[in-house]
Amino acid sequence: MPITESESLYNDLEKMSVSELLHNINKEDQKVSAAVAACLPAVEAFINQLVPRMRIGGRLFYIGAGTSGRLGILDASECPPTFGVSHDRVIGLIAGGDTAIRKAVEFAEDCLEGAWRDLAAYRPMPEDTVIGIAASGRTPYVLGGVVAAREKGLLTACITCNPDTSLAAAVEYPIEVIVGSEFVTGSTRMKAGTAQKMLLNMISTTAMIQLGKVKGNKMVDMQLNNQKLFERGTRFLIEELHIEKELAMQLLKKYGSVRKVIEATGI
């Protein structure tokens, strides 16, 4: 039996108090960070291959079903506002299409050809990269997608929470984050989902830093599409250029991004 489907270490959950449930869930969650740390060498090896491809225009695709697919879409959707990249640089695809973001689409994840069909709409190129996300390591939608992508010369990786899976065997850079059984047996939206989210954060953030999207520790290319972000950009300029708030706001309005202000002023 896959580890992700193995029996919970806890029983009679319905008899636990709210306090007991919360503390036991938290106890299990604390295991996730250690599991992620154990696979950092694999993550590093993959990112060292990903970044050069992205430097020459390659895109990063996430493919997944259910929770895994939603996490990929979440990470991809955060890259444009956070790092100022276009929406076609990091792309999340989910079995069943956009409908599946909110509602399960029956049997969509069982289609072996589905992911490549979805990817093909983007005209994938050899410099592109595909990460298959599947806690089980055997989801047909994800497995078929990475197999086809690798055959076409794309860089392939995966994030799975079971060892020695068919998905890991199908990609060049498998990332196996073994978090153990779930608090609720088989509910991989819990520890497995948390681990996947942590890894996606690491991959996209590290790649974007390597691509020059951060200066010091500031998001200098973030999109200023609300008041909170405009105020953050203003604060960044005050700290970086040692100027007054009023001037920082004027410059930000004029040039539209923190990076453009810094480059234009040369202060």
C-alpha atoms as a PDB file:
ATOM      1  CA  MET A   1       0.000   0.000   0.000  1.00  0.00           C
ATOM      2  CA  PRO A   2       1.314   3.491  -0.834  1.00  0.00           C
ATOM      3  CA  ILE A   3       2.415   5.489   2.197  1.00  0.00           C
ATOM      4  CA  THR A   4      -0.069   8.219   1.285  1.00  0.00           C
ATOM      5  CA  GLU A   5      -2.887   5.679   1.685  1.00  0.00           C
ATOM      6  CA  SER A   6      -1.585   4.062   4.869  1.00  0.00           C
ATOM      7  CA  GLU A   7      -3.562   4.036   8.099  1.00  0.00           C
ATOM      8  CA  SER A   8      -3.487   7.155  10.261  1.00  0.00           C
ATOM      9  CA  LEU A   9      -1.457   6.969  13.461  1.00  0.00           C
ATOM     10  CA  TYR A  10      -4.575   8.190  15.267  1.00  0.00           C
ATOM     11  CA  ASN A  11      -7.902   6.476  15.813  1.00  0.00           C
ATOM     12  CA  ASP A  12     -11.375   7.446  17.010  1.00  0.00           C
ATOM     13  CA  LEU A  13     -10.949  10.976  15.704  1.00  0.00           C
ATOM     14  CA  GLU A  14     -14.621  11.686  16.228  1.00  0.00           C
ATOM     15  CA  LYS A  15     -14.147  11.112  19.963  1.00  0.00           C
ATOM     16  CA  MET A  16     -11.371  13.700  20.288  1.00  0.00           C
ATOM     17  CA  SER A  17     -11.991  17.182  21.661  1.00  0.00           C
ATOM     18  CA  VAL A  18     -11.306  20.229  19.508  1.00  0.00           C
ATOM     19  CA  SER A  19      -8.091  20.781  21.458  1.00  0.00           C
ATOM     20  CA  GLU A  20      -6.931  17.196  20.883  1.00  0.00           C
ATOM     21  CA  LEU A  21      -7.693  17.391  17.174  1.00  0.00           C
ATOM     22  CA  LEU A  22      -5.799  20.644  16.756  1.00  0.00           C
ATOM     23  CA  HIS A  23      -2.748  19.516  18.712  1.00  0.00           C
ATOM     24  CA  ASN A  24      -2.557  16.177  16.917  1.00  0.00           C
ATOM     25  CA  ILE A  25      -2.904  17.742  13.483  1.00  0.00           C
ATOM     26  CA  ASN A  26      -0.184  20.210  14.424  1.00  0.00           C
ATOM     27  CA  LYS A  27       2.017  17.373  15.657  1.00  0.00           C
ATOM     28  CA  GLU A  28       1.746  15.727  12.252  1.00  0.00           C
ATOM     29  CA  ASP A  29       2.334  19.000  10.406  1.00  0.00           C
ATOM     30  CA  GLN A  30       5.651  19.417  12.207  1.00  0.00           C
ATOM     31  CA  LYS A  31       6.932  16.370  10.324  1.00  0.00           C
ATOM     32  CA  VAL A  32       6.519  18.102   6.973  1.00  0.00           C
ATOM     33  CA  SER A  33       9.451  20.501   7.254  1.00  0.00           C
ATOM     34  CA  ALA A  34      11.869  17.658   8.025  1.00  0.00           C
ATOM     35  CA  ALA A  35      10.578  15.687   5.043  1.00  0.00           C
ATOM     36  CA  VAL A  36      11.080  18.687   2.757  1.00  0.00           C
ATOM     37  CA  ALA A  37      14.606  19.232   4.120  1.00  0.00           C
ATOM     38  CA  ALA A  38      15.496  15.647   3.251  1.00  0.00           C
ATOM     39  CA  CYS A  39      14.782  16.205  -0.435  1.00  0.00           C
ATOM     40  CA  LEU A  40      16.556  19.562  -0.858  1.00  0.00           C
ATOM     41  CA  PRO A  41      19.495  18.042  -2.803  1.00  0.00           C
ATOM     42  CA  ALA A  42      17.028  16.780  -5.410  1.00  0.00           C
ATOM     43  CA  VAL A  43      15.346  20.193  -5.553  1.00  0.00           C
ATOM     44  CA  GLU A  44      18.700  21.920  -6.000  1.00  0.00           C
ATOM     45  CA  ALA A  45      19.741  19.602  -8.819  1.00  0.00           C
ATOM     46  CA  PHE A  46      16.483  20.309 -10.628  1.00  0.00           C
ATOM     47  CA  ILE A  47      16.607  24.096 -10.221  1.00  0.00           C
ATOM     48  CA  ASN A  48      20.151  24.126 -11.595  1.00  0.00           C
ATOM     49  CA  GLN A  49      18.680  22.736 -14.809  1.00  0.00           C
ATOM     50  CA  LEU A  50      15.500  24.825 -14.768  1.00  0.00           C
ATOM     51  CA  VAL A  51      17.040  28.292 -14.481  1.00  0.00           C
ATOM     52  CA  PRO A  52      19.235  28.169 -17.622  1.00  0.00           C
ATOM     53  CA  ARG A  53      16.187  27.149 -19.631  1.00  0.00           C
ATOM     54  CA  MET A  54      14.105  29.973 -18.232  1.00  0.00           C
ATOM     55  CA  ARG A  55      16.904  32.439 -18.985  1.00  0.00           C
ATOM     56  CA  ILE A  56      16.546  31.703 -22.694  1.00  0.00           C
ATOM     57  CA  GLY A  57      12.771  32.024 -22.625  1.00  0.00           C
ATOM     58  CA  GLY A  58      11.680  28.606 -21.438  1.00  0.00           C
ATOM     59  CA  ARG A  59       8.436  28.303 -19.536  1.00  0.00           C
ATOM     60  CA  LEU A  60       7.602  26.340 -16.416  1.00  0.00           C
ATOM     61  CA  PHE A  61       4.472  24.185 -16.460  1.00  0.00           C
ATOM     62  CA  TYR A  62       2.848  22.512 -13.469  1.00  0.00           C
ATOM     63  CA  ILE A  63       0.468  19.639 -14.154  1.00  0.00           C
ATOM     64  CA  GLY A  64      -1.665  17.945 -11.528  1.00  0.00           C
ATOM     65  CA  ALA A  65      -5.107  16.719 -10.540  1.00  0.00           C
ATOM     66  CA  GLY A  66      -7.253  17.660  -7.552  1.00  0.00           C
ATOM     67  CA  THR A  67      -5.337  19.293  -4.703  1.00  0.00           C
ATOM     68  CA  SER A  68      -2.027  18.881  -6.534  1.00  0.00           C
ATOM     69  CA  GLY A  69      -3.351  20.647  -9.610  1.00  0.00           C
ATOM     70  CA  ARG A  70      -4.844  23.461  -7.561  1.00  0.00           C
ATOM     71  CA  LEU A  71      -1.557  24.020  -5.744  1.00  0.00           C
ATOM     72  CA  GLY A  72       0.261  24.290  -9.069  1.00  0.00           C
ATOM     73  CA  ILE A  73      -2.254  26.838 -10.322  1.00  0.00           C
ATOM     74  CA  LEU A  74      -1.945  28.796  -7.071  1.00  0.00           C
ATOM     75  CA  ASP A  75       1.830  29.025  -7.332  1.00  0.00           C
ATOM     76  CA  ALA A  76       1.739  29.908 -11.027  1.00  0.00           C
ATOM     77  CA  SER A  77      -0.880  32.619 -10.503  1.00  0.00           C
ATOM     78  CA  GLU A  78       1.247  34.302  -7.823  1.00  0.00           C
ATOM     79  CA  CYS A  79       4.341  34.669 -10.005  1.00  0.00           C
ATOM     80  CA  PRO A  80       3.176  37.615 -12.160  1.00  0.00           C
ATOM     81  CA  PRO A  81       2.131  39.919  -9.286  1.00  0.00           C
ATOM     82  CA  THR A  82       5.086  38.903  -7.107  1.00  0.00           C
ATOM     83  CA  PHE A  83       7.883  38.931  -9.673  1.00  0.00           C
ATOM     84  CA  GLY A  84       6.476  40.926 -12.583  1.00  0.00           C
ATOM     85  CA  VAL A  85       6.724  38.085 -15.082  1.00  0.00           C
ATOM     86  CA  SER A  86       4.100  37.590 -17.771  1.00  0.00           C
ATOM     87  CA  HIS A  87       1.302  35.104 -17.187  1.00  0.00           C
ATOM     88  CA  ASP A  88       2.761  32.741 -19.781  1.00  0.00           C
ATOM     89  CA  ARG A  89       6.077  32.136 -17.980  1.00  0.00           C
ATOM     90  CA  VAL A  90       4.748  29.892 -15.184  1.00  0.00           C
ATOM     91  CA  ILE A  91       1.567  28.010 -16.072  1.00  0.00           C
ATOM     92  CA  GLY A  92      -0.528  25.663 -13.963  1.00  0.00           C
ATOM     93  CA  LEU A  93      -2.712  23.016 -15.596  1.00  0.00           C
ATOM     94  CA  ILE A  94      -5.262  20.838 -13.810  1.00  0.00           C
ATOM     95  CA  ALA A  95      -7.060  17.695 -14.955  1.00  0.00           C
ATOM     96  CA  GLY A  96     -10.556  18.710 -15.965  1.00  0.00           C
ATOM     97  CA  GLY A  97      -9.620  22.284 -16.875  1.00  0.00           C
ATOM     98  CA  ASP A  98     -10.593  25.467 -15.069  1.00  0.00           C
ATOM     99  CA  THR A  99     -13.857  23.945 -13.857  1.00  0.00           C
ATOM    100  CA  ALA A 100     -11.809  21.556 -11.701  1.00  0.00           C
ATOM    101  CA  ILE A 101     -10.247  24.430  -9.770  1.00  0.00           C
ATOM    102  CA  ARG A 102     -13.465  24.714  -7.764  1.00  0.00           C
ATOM    103  CA  LYS A 103     -15.338  21.486  -8.451  1.00  0.00           C
ATOM    104  CA  ALA A 104     -14.092  17.949  -9.006  1.00  0.00           C
ATOM    105  CA  VAL A 105     -14.433  16.733 -12.598  1.00  0.00           C
ATOM    106  CA  GLU A 106     -15.161  13.018 -12.515  1.00  0.00           C
ATOM    107  CA  PHE A 107     -12.489  10.732 -13.967  1.00  0.00           C
ATOM    108  CA  ALA A 108     -10.520  13.633 -15.508  1.00  0.00           C
ATOM    109  CA  GLU A 109      -7.368  12.513 -13.702  1.00  0.00           C
ATOM    110  CA  ASP A 110      -7.664   9.044 -15.231  1.00  0.00           C
ATOM    111  CA  CYS A 111      -7.004  10.268 -18.788  1.00  0.00           C
ATOM    112  CA  LEU A 112      -3.437   9.358 -19.728  1.00  0.00           C
ATOM    113  CA  GLU A 113      -3.424  11.680 -22.759  1.00  0.00           C
ATOM    114  CA  GLY A 114      -5.168  14.616 -21.088  1.00  0.00           C
ATOM    115  CA  ALA A 115      -2.175  16.549 -19.802  1.00  0.00           C
ATOM    116  CA  TRP A 116      -0.246  16.499 -23.064  1.00  0.00           C
ATOM    117  CA  ARG A 117      -3.395  17.592 -24.883  1.00  0.00           C
ATOM    118  CA  ASP A 118      -3.635  20.515 -22.460  1.00  0.00           C
ATOM    119  CA  LEU A 119       0.067  21.286 -22.814  1.00  0.00           C
ATOM    120  CA  ALA A 120      -0.065  21.100 -26.610  1.00  0.00           C
ATOM    121  CA  ALA A 121      -2.342  24.156 -26.673  1.00  0.00           C
ATOM    122  CA  TYR A 122       0.688  26.157 -25.483  1.00  0.00           C
ATOM    123  CA  ARG A 123       2.949  24.848 -28.268  1.00  0.00           C
ATOM    124  CA  PRO A 124       5.622  23.459 -25.910  1.00  0.00           C
ATOM    125  CA  MET A 125       9.270  23.821 -26.874  1.00  0.00           C
ATOM    126  CA  PRO A 126      12.403  21.899 -25.800  1.00  0.00           C
ATOM    127  CA  GLU A 127      13.471  24.756 -23.522  1.00  0.00           C
ATOM    128  CA  ASP A 128      10.249  24.410 -21.516  1.00  0.00           C
ATOM    129  CA  THR A 129       9.990  22.490 -18.237  1.00  0.00           C
ATOM    130  CA  VAL A 130       7.179  20.348 -16.837  1.00  0.00           C
ATOM    131  CA  ILE A 131       6.719  19.444 -13.173  1.00  0.00           C
ATOM    132  CA  GLY A 132       4.211  16.681 -12.541  1.00  0.00           C
ATOM    133  CA  ILE A 133       2.595  17.005  -9.112  1.00  0.00           C
ATOM    134  CA  ALA A 134       0.923  13.919  -7.652  1.00  0.00           C
ATOM    135  CA  ALA A 135       1.029  12.833  -4.023  1.00  0.00           C
ATOM    136  CA  SER A 136       0.374   9.226  -5.031  1.00  0.00           C
ATOM    137  CA  GLY A 137       2.951   9.211  -7.812  1.00  0.00           C
ATOM    138  CA  ARG A 138       0.628   7.304 -10.114  1.00  0.00           C
ATOM    139  CA  THR A 139      -2.057   9.716 -11.364  1.00  0.00           C
ATOM    140  CA  PRO A 140      -2.539   8.887 -15.089  1.00  0.00           C
ATOM    141  CA  TYR A 141      -3.078  12.524 -16.135  1.00  0.00           C
ATOM    142  CA  VAL A 142       0.241  13.527 -14.589  1.00  0.00           C
ATOM    143  CA  LEU A 143       2.162  10.419 -15.599  1.00  0.00           C
ATOM    144  CA  GLY A 144       1.062  10.622 -19.226  1.00  0.00           C
ATOM    145  CA  GLY A 145       1.934  14.301 -19.330  1.00  0.00           C
ATOM    146  CA  VAL A 146       5.517  13.954 -18.143  1.00  0.00           C
ATOM    147  CA  VAL A 147       6.163  10.912 -20.323  1.00  0.00           C
ATOM    148  CA  ALA A 148       5.035  12.791 -23.425  1.00  0.00           C
ATOM    149  CA  ALA A 149       6.918  15.936 -22.385  1.00  0.00           C
ATOM    150  CA  ARG A 150      10.148  14.016 -21.895  1.00  0.00           C
ATOM    151  CA  GLU A 151       9.741  12.301 -25.251  1.00  0.00           C
ATOM    152  CA  LYS A 152       9.454  15.753 -26.840  1.00  0.00           C
ATOM    153  CA  GLY A 153      12.693  16.915 -25.201  1.00  0.00           C
ATOM    154  CA  LEU A 154      11.273  19.072 -22.393  1.00  0.00           C
ATOM    155  CA  LEU A 155      12.913  19.029 -18.968  1.00  0.00           C
ATOM    156  CA  THR A 156      10.791  16.967 -16.578  1.00  0.00           C
ATOM    157  CA  ALA A 157      10.523  16.735 -12.800  1.00  0.00           C
ATOM    158  CA  CYS A 158       7.914  15.611 -10.321  1.00  0.00           C
ATOM    159  CA  ILE A 159       6.789  16.121  -6.738  1.00  0.00           C
ATOM    160  CA  THR A 160       5.401  13.000  -5.111  1.00  0.00           C
ATOM    161  CA  CYS A 161       4.923  11.769  -1.553  1.00  0.00           C
ATOM    162  CA  ASN A 162       5.593   8.075  -2.105  1.00  0.00           C
ATOM    163  CA  PRO A 163       8.937   6.410  -2.833  1.00  0.00           C
ATOM    164  CA  ASP A 164       9.760   4.462  -5.994  1.00  0.00           C
ATOM    165  CA  THR A 165       6.703   5.468  -7.994  1.00  0.00           C
ATOM    166  CA  SER A 166       6.041   5.196 -11.717  1.00  0.00           C
ATOM    167  CA  LEU A 167       5.937   8.996 -11.862  1.00  0.00           C
ATOM    168  CA  ALA A 168       9.394   9.334 -10.311  1.00  0.00           C
ATOM    169  CA  ALA A 169      10.753   6.753 -12.751  1.00  0.00           C
ATOM    170  CA  ALA A 170       9.321   8.669 -15.702  1.00  0.00           C
ATOM    171  CA  VAL A 171      11.062  12.014 -15.064  1.00  0.00           C
ATOM    172  CA  GLU A 172      14.650  13.207 -15.048  1.00  0.00           C
ATOM    173  CA  TYR A 173      14.437  14.924 -11.677  1.00  0.00           C
ATOM    174  CA  PRO A 174      12.151  13.195  -9.170  1.00  0.00           C
ATOM    175  CA  ILE A 175      11.454  14.975  -5.889  1.00  0.00           C
ATOM    176  CA  GLU A 176      10.089  12.519  -3.336  1.00  0.00           C
ATOM    177  CA  VAL A 177       8.898  14.170  -0.124  1.00  0.00           C
ATOM    178  CA  ILE A 178       7.866  11.382   2.233  1.00  0.00           C
ATOM    179  CA  VAL A 179       5.613  12.882   4.896  1.00  0.00           C
ATOM    180  CA  GLY A 180       4.065   9.623   6.126  1.00  0.00           C
ATOM    181  CA  SER A 181       0.431   8.758   6.739  1.00  0.00           C
ATOM    182  CA  GLU A 182      -2.154  11.511   6.963  1.00  0.00           C
ATOM    183  CA  PHE A 183      -4.032  12.462  10.124  1.00  0.00           C
ATOM    184  CA  VAL A 184      -7.235  11.507   8.306  1.00  0.00           C
ATOM    185  CA  THR A 185      -6.316   8.348   6.414  1.00  0.00           C
ATOM    186  CA  GLY A 186      -5.652   9.117   2.740  1.00  0.00           C
ATOM    187  CA  SER A 187      -6.469  12.841   2.980  1.00  0.00           C
ATOM    188  CA  THR A 188      -3.464  14.071   1.024  1.00  0.00           C
ATOM    189  CA  ARG A 189      -4.701  17.668   1.022  1.00  0.00           C
ATOM    190  CA  MET A 190      -3.161  17.747   4.520  1.00  0.00           C
ATOM    191  CA  LYS A 191       0.539  16.900   5.024  1.00  0.00           C
ATOM    192  CA  ALA A 192       1.177  15.953   1.410  1.00  0.00           C
ATOM    193  CA  GLY A 193      -0.467  19.150   0.200  1.00  0.00           C
ATOM    194  CA  THR A 194       1.513  21.241   2.677  1.00  0.00           C
ATOM    195  CA  ALA A 195       4.759  19.649   1.515  1.00  0.00           C
ATOM    196  CA  GLN A 196       3.895  20.262  -2.131  1.00  0.00           C
ATOM    197  CA  LYS A 197       3.083  23.907  -1.408  1.00  0.00           C
ATOM    198  CA  MET A 198       6.404  24.372   0.405  1.00  0.00           C
ATOM    199  CA  LEU A 199       8.330  22.857  -2.493  1.00  0.00           C
ATOM    200  CA  LEU A 200       6.522  24.911  -5.120  1.00  0.00           C
ATOM    201  CA  ASN A 201       7.279  28.048  -3.096  1.00  0.00           C
ATOM    202  CA  MET A 202      10.946  27.078  -3.013  1.00  0.00           C
ATOM    203  CA  ILE A 203      11.174  26.242  -6.706  1.00  0.00           C
ATOM    204  CA  SER A 204       9.467  29.328  -8.108  1.00  0.00           C
ATOM    205  CA  THR A 205      11.003  31.767  -5.611  1.00  0.00           C
ATOM    206  CA  THR A 206      14.533  30.424  -6.027  1.00  0.00           C
ATOM    207  CA  ALA A 207      14.206  30.433  -9.804  1.00  0.00           C
ATOM    208  CA  MET A 208      12.929  34.005  -9.845  1.00  0.00           C
ATOM    209  CA  ILE A 209      15.713  35.205  -7.559  1.00  0.00           C
ATOM    210  CA  GLN A 210      18.248  33.525  -9.836  1.00  0.00           C
ATOM    211  CA  LEU A 211      16.587  35.261 -12.793  1.00  0.00           C
ATOM    212  CA  GLY A 212      17.155  38.649 -11.133  1.00  0.00           C
ATOM    213  CA  LYS A 213      13.602  39.359 -10.014  1.00  0.00           C
ATOM    214  CA  VAL A 214      14.666  40.282  -6.461  1.00  0.00           C
ATOM    215  CA  LYS A 215      17.142  42.968  -5.352  1.00  0.00           C
ATOM    216  CA  GLY A 216      18.509  42.593  -1.841  1.00  0.00           C
ATOM    217  CA  ASN A 217      15.410  41.048  -0.355  1.00  0.00           C
ATOM    218  CA  LYS A 218      12.886  43.204  -2.214  1.00  0.00           C
ATOM    219  CA  MET A 219      10.375  42.294  -4.956  1.00  0.00           C
ATOM    220  CA  VAL A 220      11.501  45.073  -7.280  1.00  0.00           C
ATOM    221  CA  ASP A 221       9.443  43.817 -10.227  1.00  0.00           C
ATOM    222  CA  MET A 222       6.148  43.262  -8.392  1.00  0.00           C
ATOM    223  CA  GLN A 223       3.006  44.546 -10.073  1.00  0.00           C
ATOM    224  CA  LEU A 224       1.592  47.638  -8.370  1.00  0.00           C
ATOM    225  CA  ASN A 225      -2.039  46.694  -8.869  1.00  0.00           C
ATOM    226  CA  ASN A 226      -3.468  47.731  -5.505  1.00  0.00           C
ATOM    227  CA  GLN A 227      -2.872  50.289  -2.769  1.00  0.00           C
ATOM    228  CA  LYS A 228      -1.081  47.830  -0.470  1.00  0.00           C
ATOM    229  CA  LEU A 229       1.478  47.003  -3.156  1.00  0.00           C
ATOM    230  CA  PHE A 230       1.935  50.656  -4.100  1.00  0.00           C
ATOM    231  CA  GLU A 231       2.661  51.455  -0.455  1.00  0.00           C
ATOM    232  CA  ARG A 232       5.077  48.521  -0.282  1.00  0.00           C
ATOM    233  CA  GLY A 233       6.857  49.781  -3.394  1.00  0.00           C
ATOM    234  CA  THR A 234       7.054  53.260  -1.899  1.00  0.00           C
ATOM    235  CA  ARG A 235       8.603  51.853   1.258  1.00  0.00           C
ATOM    236  CA  PHE A 236      11.118  49.868  -0.792  1.00  0.00           C
ATOM    237  CA  LEU A 237      12.223  53.034  -2.578  1.00  0.00           C
ATOM    238  CA  ILE A 238      12.541  54.991   0.657  1.00  0.00           C
ATOM    239  CA  GLU A 239      14.770  52.259   2.080  1.00  0.00           C
ATOM    240  CA  GLU A 240      16.765  51.640  -1.102  1.00  0.00           C
ATOM    241  CA  LEU A 241      17.302  55.221  -2.264  1.00  0.00           C
ATOM    242  CA  HIS A 242      17.120  57.055   1.084  1.00  0.00           C
ATOM    243  CA  ILE A 243      14.580  59.529  -0.227  1.00  0.00           C
ATOM    244  CA  GLU A 244      11.460  61.148   1.230  1.00  0.00           C
ATOM    245  CA  LYS A 245       8.094  59.436   0.950  1.00  0.00           C
ATOM    246  CA  GLU A 246       6.576  62.094  -1.303  1.00  0.00           C
ATOM    247  CA  LEU A 247       9.384  61.795  -3.836  1.00  0.00           C
ATOM    248  CA  ALA A 248       9.220  57.995  -3.713  1.00  0.00           C
ATOM    249  CA  MET A 249       5.490  58.092  -4.484  1.00  0.00           C
ATOM    250  CA  GLN A 250       5.972  60.531  -7.357  1.00  0.00           C
ATOM    251  CA  LEU A 251       8.712  58.424  -8.911  1.00  0.00           C
ATOM    252  CA  LEU A 252       6.717  55.234  -8.531  1.00  0.00           C
ATOM    253  CA  LYS A 253       3.713  56.805 -10.244  1.00  0.00           C
ATOM    254  CA  LYS A 254       5.925  58.074 -13.047  1.00  0.00           C
ATOM    255  CA  TYR A 255       7.896  54.900 -13.789  1.00  0.00           C
ATOM    256  CA  GLY A 256       5.450  52.182 -12.685  1.00  0.00           C
ATOM    257  CA  SER A 257       7.819  49.817 -10.886  1.00  0.00           C
ATOM    258  CA  VAL A 258      10.469  49.822  -8.208  1.00  0.00           C
ATOM    259  CA  ARG A 259      13.113  48.525 -10.613  1.00  0.00           C
ATOM    260  CA  LYS A 260      12.390  51.164 -13.234  1.00  0.00           C
ATOM    261  CA  VAL A 261      12.703  53.923 -10.634  1.00  0.00           C
ATOM    262  CA  ILE A 262      16.046  52.580  -9.428  1.00  0.00           C
ATOM    263  CA  GLU A 263      17.360  52.224 -12.974  1.00  0.00           C
ATOM    264  CA  ALA A 264      16.081  55.615 -14.104  1.00  0.00           C
ATOM    265  CA  THR A 265      17.315  57.644 -11.160  1.00  0.00           C
ATOM    266  CA  GLY A 266      20.709  56.021 -10.786  1.00  0.00           C
ATOM    267  CA  ILE A 267      20.742  57.245  -7.206  1.00  0.00           C
END
